[in-house]
Amino acid sequence: EQQALPIQLRRLMDDHQQLMADVTLLRQQESKLKADQEALSTQHHIAQSKYQAEIRHRIDAELRFQEKAVWEEALKDDLDNERRKAMHTAENFAALVSERDALQREAEEATSRNRELETQISEYRLNSVEWAQQKTKYEK
């Protein structure tokens, strides 16, 4: 039995050495896993930050799009109103041009009639002067 003790001790020491080597290997693996976990956690944090930034960017873009859509609608309404005003103004202008043309024709007719009347008055004056001269001639 005494001879078995050193063999057992040797086995125990070998087992202890093997266990210590296993512990060292497990600690190295644990350190590597912790480092991998930290790297993955960092990558996850970076990816999540990028994802959140992309979401904020998309929300901002959507808000800008909605704002521009509202502006577009308002501008379309303004354009429609201005087109209606322009059409109304064009109709008024056409009516005024027609009225002006009618007044211009009326003025030309009045001017022509006035010239005719002035010609007649001149003829009547001339005739009147001639009659007065003839009257004075007969009276003498």
C-alpha atoms as a PDB file:
ATOM      1  CA  GLU A   1       0.000   0.000   0.000  1.00  0.00           C
ATOM      2  CA  GLN A   2       2.818   2.360   0.639  1.00  0.00           C
ATOM      3  CA  GLN A   3       4.025   1.899  -2.837  1.00  0.00           C
ATOM      4  CA  ALA A   4       0.558   2.743  -4.120  1.00  0.00           C
ATOM      5  CA  LEU A   5       0.541   6.091  -2.345  1.00  0.00           C
ATOM      6  CA  PRO A   6       3.336   7.637  -4.431  1.00  0.00           C
ATOM      7  CA  ILE A   7       1.667   6.338  -7.585  1.00  0.00           C
ATOM      8  CA  GLN A   8      -1.623   7.769  -6.406  1.00  0.00           C
ATOM      9  CA  LEU A   9       0.109  11.009  -5.504  1.00  0.00           C
ATOM     10  CA  ARG A  10       1.746  11.052  -8.895  1.00  0.00           C
ATOM     11  CA  ARG A  11      -1.618  10.429 -10.540  1.00  0.00           C
ATOM     12  CA  LEU A  12      -3.220  13.115  -8.425  1.00  0.00           C
ATOM     13  CA  MET A  13      -0.449  15.555  -9.312  1.00  0.00           C
ATOM     14  CA  ASP A  14      -0.799  14.648 -12.991  1.00  0.00           C
ATOM     15  CA  ASP A  15      -4.558  15.049 -12.691  1.00  0.00           C
ATOM     16  CA  HIS A  16      -3.990  18.329 -10.847  1.00  0.00           C
ATOM     17  CA  GLN A  17      -1.620  19.522 -13.580  1.00  0.00           C
ATOM     18  CA  GLN A  18      -4.126  18.462 -16.243  1.00  0.00           C
ATOM     19  CA  LEU A  19      -6.911  20.198 -14.344  1.00  0.00           C
ATOM     20  CA  MET A  20      -4.781  23.349 -13.983  1.00  0.00           C
ATOM     21  CA  ALA A  21      -4.043  23.231 -17.735  1.00  0.00           C
ATOM     22  CA  ASP A  22      -7.778  22.795 -18.356  1.00  0.00           C
ATOM     23  CA  VAL A  23      -8.534  25.711 -15.999  1.00  0.00           C
ATOM     24  CA  THR A  24      -5.972  27.871 -17.812  1.00  0.00           C
ATOM     25  CA  LEU A  25      -7.446  26.863 -21.186  1.00  0.00           C
ATOM     26  CA  LEU A  26     -10.970  27.548 -19.923  1.00  0.00           C
ATOM     27  CA  ARG A  27      -9.891  30.941 -18.548  1.00  0.00           C
ATOM     28  CA  GLN A  28      -8.331  31.787 -21.933  1.00  0.00           C
ATOM     29  CA  GLN A  29     -11.507  30.667 -23.678  1.00  0.00           C
ATOM     30  CA  GLU A  30     -13.540  32.693 -21.187  1.00  0.00           C
ATOM     31  CA  SER A  31     -11.374  35.767 -21.872  1.00  0.00           C
ATOM     32  CA  LYS A  32     -11.730  35.211 -25.614  1.00  0.00           C
ATOM     33  CA  LEU A  33     -15.503  34.797 -25.278  1.00  0.00           C
ATOM     34  CA  LYS A  34     -15.725  37.951 -23.136  1.00  0.00           C
ATOM     35  CA  ALA A  35     -13.684  39.845 -25.752  1.00  0.00           C
ATOM     36  CA  ASP A  36     -15.907  38.437 -28.516  1.00  0.00           C
ATOM     37  CA  GLN A  37     -18.987  39.361 -26.487  1.00  0.00           C
ATOM     38  CA  GLU A  38     -17.699  42.926 -26.005  1.00  0.00           C
ATOM     39  CA  ALA A  39     -16.885  43.155 -29.730  1.00  0.00           C
ATOM     40  CA  LEU A  40     -20.347  41.862 -30.622  1.00  0.00           C
ATOM     41  CA  SER A  41     -21.913  44.191 -28.089  1.00  0.00           C
ATOM     42  CA  THR A  42     -19.987  47.109 -29.591  1.00  0.00           C
ATOM     43  CA  GLN A  43     -20.986  46.056 -33.112  1.00  0.00           C
ATOM     44  CA  HIS A  44     -24.591  45.669 -31.950  1.00  0.00           C
ATOM     45  CA  HIS A  45     -24.486  49.137 -30.372  1.00  0.00           C
ATOM     46  CA  ILE A  46     -22.996  50.608 -33.558  1.00  0.00           C
ATOM     47  CA  ALA A  47     -25.561  48.825 -35.736  1.00  0.00           C
ATOM     48  CA  GLN A  48     -28.380  49.937 -33.443  1.00  0.00           C
ATOM     49  CA  SER A  49     -27.098  53.530 -33.512  1.00  0.00           C
ATOM     50  CA  LYS A  50     -26.937  53.430 -37.313  1.00  0.00           C
ATOM     51  CA  TYR A  51     -30.430  51.921 -37.450  1.00  0.00           C
ATOM     52  CA  GLN A  52     -31.799  54.615 -35.140  1.00  0.00           C
ATOM     53  CA  ALA A  53     -30.029  57.304 -37.169  1.00  0.00           C
ATOM     54  CA  GLU A  54     -31.549  55.833 -40.351  1.00  0.00           C
ATOM     55  CA  ILE A  55     -34.993  55.839 -38.735  1.00  0.00           C
ATOM     56  CA  ARG A  56     -34.543  59.493 -37.683  1.00  0.00           C
ATOM     57  CA  HIS A  57     -33.350  60.299 -41.198  1.00  0.00           C
ATOM     58  CA  ARG A  58     -36.391  58.590 -42.734  1.00  0.00           C
ATOM     59  CA  ILE A  59     -38.754  60.330 -40.314  1.00  0.00           C
ATOM     60  CA  ASP A  60     -37.145  63.686 -41.139  1.00  0.00           C
ATOM     61  CA  ALA A  61     -37.394  62.906 -44.856  1.00  0.00           C
ATOM     62  CA  GLU A  62     -41.047  61.921 -44.464  1.00  0.00           C
ATOM     63  CA  LEU A  63     -41.758  65.140 -42.551  1.00  0.00           C
ATOM     64  CA  ARG A  64     -40.018  67.186 -45.247  1.00  0.00           C
ATOM     65  CA  PHE A  65     -41.990  65.303 -47.897  1.00  0.00           C
ATOM     66  CA  GLN A  66     -45.268  65.943 -46.073  1.00  0.00           C
ATOM     67  CA  GLU A  67     -44.381  69.620 -45.650  1.00  0.00           C
ATOM     68  CA  LYS A  68     -43.580  69.901 -49.345  1.00  0.00           C
ATOM     69  CA  ALA A  69     -46.801  68.082 -50.204  1.00  0.00           C
ATOM     70  CA  VAL A  70     -48.730  70.645 -48.148  1.00  0.00           C
ATOM     71  CA  TRP A  71     -46.863  73.461 -49.904  1.00  0.00           C
ATOM     72  CA  GLU A  72     -47.545  71.839 -53.266  1.00  0.00           C
ATOM     73  CA  GLU A  73     -51.263  71.615 -52.512  1.00  0.00           C
ATOM     74  CA  ALA A  74     -51.335  75.247 -51.348  1.00  0.00           C
ATOM     75  CA  LEU A  75     -49.464  76.339 -54.479  1.00  0.00           C
ATOM     76  CA  LYS A  76     -51.864  74.351 -56.676  1.00  0.00           C
ATOM     77  CA  ASP A  77     -54.798  76.065 -54.977  1.00  0.00           C
ATOM     78  CA  ASP A  78     -53.139  79.462 -55.449  1.00  0.00           C
ATOM     79  CA  LEU A  79     -52.440  78.636 -59.091  1.00  0.00           C
ATOM     80  CA  ASP A  80     -56.050  77.594 -59.664  1.00  0.00           C
ATOM     81  CA  ASN A  81     -57.251  80.824 -58.026  1.00  0.00           C
ATOM     82  CA  GLU A  82     -54.878  82.900 -60.143  1.00  0.00           C
ATOM     83  CA  ARG A  83     -56.006  81.080 -63.299  1.00  0.00           C
ATOM     84  CA  ARG A  84     -59.648  81.826 -62.436  1.00  0.00           C
ATOM     85  CA  LYS A  85     -58.747  85.472 -61.793  1.00  0.00           C
ATOM     86  CA  ALA A  86     -56.795  85.619 -65.079  1.00  0.00           C
ATOM     87  CA  MET A  87     -59.731  84.098 -66.970  1.00  0.00           C
ATOM     88  CA  HIS A  88     -62.122  86.568 -65.340  1.00  0.00           C
ATOM     89  CA  THR A  89     -59.741  89.435 -66.140  1.00  0.00           C
ATOM     90  CA  ALA A  90     -59.446  88.223 -69.746  1.00  0.00           C
ATOM     91  CA  GLU A  91     -63.256  88.102 -70.017  1.00  0.00           C
ATOM     92  CA  ASN A  92     -63.497  91.618 -68.553  1.00  0.00           C
ATOM     93  CA  PHE A  93     -60.783  92.792 -70.903  1.00  0.00           C
ATOM     94  CA  ALA A  94     -62.594  91.295 -73.911  1.00  0.00           C
ATOM     95  CA  ALA A  95     -65.821  93.007 -72.810  1.00  0.00           C
ATOM     96  CA  LEU A  96     -63.994  96.314 -72.361  1.00  0.00           C
ATOM     97  CA  VAL A  97     -62.359  95.966 -75.796  1.00  0.00           C
ATOM     98  CA  SER A  98     -65.777  95.317 -77.349  1.00  0.00           C
ATOM     99  CA  GLU A  99     -67.233  98.291 -75.507  1.00  0.00           C
ATOM    100  CA  ARG A 100     -64.283 100.459 -76.548  1.00  0.00           C
ATOM    101  CA  ASP A 101     -64.681  99.376 -80.175  1.00  0.00           C
ATOM    102  CA  ALA A 102     -68.409 100.171 -80.040  1.00  0.00           C
ATOM    103  CA  LEU A 103     -67.703 103.571 -78.486  1.00  0.00           C
ATOM    104  CA  GLN A 104     -64.985 104.216 -81.042  1.00  0.00           C
ATOM    105  CA  ARG A 105     -67.392 103.411 -83.904  1.00  0.00           C
ATOM    106  CA  GLU A 106     -70.007 105.614 -82.258  1.00  0.00           C
ATOM    107  CA  ALA A 107     -67.460 108.443 -81.911  1.00  0.00           C
ATOM    108  CA  GLU A 108     -66.407 108.027 -85.542  1.00  0.00           C
ATOM    109  CA  GLU A 109     -70.052 108.112 -86.622  1.00  0.00           C
ATOM    110  CA  ALA A 110     -70.649 111.214 -84.466  1.00  0.00           C
ATOM    111  CA  THR A 111     -67.529 112.858 -85.905  1.00  0.00           C
ATOM    112  CA  SER A 112     -68.668 112.005 -89.425  1.00  0.00           C
ATOM    113  CA  ARG A 113     -72.186 113.305 -88.689  1.00  0.00           C
ATOM    114  CA  ASN A 114     -70.671 116.429 -87.123  1.00  0.00           C
ATOM    115  CA  ARG A 115     -68.610 117.076 -90.289  1.00  0.00           C
ATOM    116  CA  GLU A 116     -71.702 116.609 -92.412  1.00  0.00           C
ATOM    117  CA  LEU A 117     -73.577 119.065 -90.208  1.00  0.00           C
ATOM    118  CA  GLU A 118     -70.704 121.554 -90.324  1.00  0.00           C
ATOM    119  CA  THR A 119     -70.662 121.231 -94.108  1.00  0.00           C
ATOM    120  CA  GLN A 120     -74.414 121.867 -94.192  1.00  0.00           C
ATOM    121  CA  ILE A 121     -74.033 124.840 -91.840  1.00  0.00           C
ATOM    122  CA  SER A 122     -71.287 126.240 -94.075  1.00  0.00           C
ATOM    123  CA  GLU A 123     -73.547 125.757 -97.099  1.00  0.00           C
ATOM    124  CA  TYR A 124     -76.463 127.399 -95.259  1.00  0.00           C
ATOM    125  CA  ARG A 125     -74.247 130.334 -94.252  1.00  0.00           C
ATOM    126  CA  LEU A 126     -73.002 130.669 -97.778  1.00  0.00           C
ATOM    127  CA  ASN A 127     -76.568 130.477 -99.087  1.00  0.00           C
ATOM    128  CA  SER A 128     -77.656 132.931 -96.407  1.00  0.00           C
ATOM    129  CA  VAL A 129     -74.952 135.373 -97.417  1.00  0.00           C
ATOM    130  CA  GLU A 130     -75.880 134.939-101.082  1.00  0.00           C
ATOM    131  CA  TRP A 131     -79.584 135.466-100.299  1.00  0.00           C
ATOM    132  CA  ALA A 132     -78.762 138.538 -98.259  1.00  0.00           C
ATOM    133  CA  GLN A 133     -76.700 139.901-101.158  1.00  0.00           C
ATOM    134  CA  GLN A 134     -79.453 139.150-103.651  1.00  0.00           C
ATOM    135  CA  LYS A 135     -82.049 140.670-101.337  1.00  0.00           C
ATOM    136  CA  THR A 136     -80.002 143.855-101.049  1.00  0.00           C
ATOM    137  CA  LYS A 137     -79.564 143.859-104.796  1.00  0.00           C
ATOM    138  CA  TYR A 138     -83.297 143.607-105.428  1.00  0.00           C
ATOM    139  CA  GLU A 139     -84.082 146.190-102.830  1.00  0.00           C
ATOM    140  CA  LYS A 140     -81.877 148.746-104.487  1.00  0.00           C
END
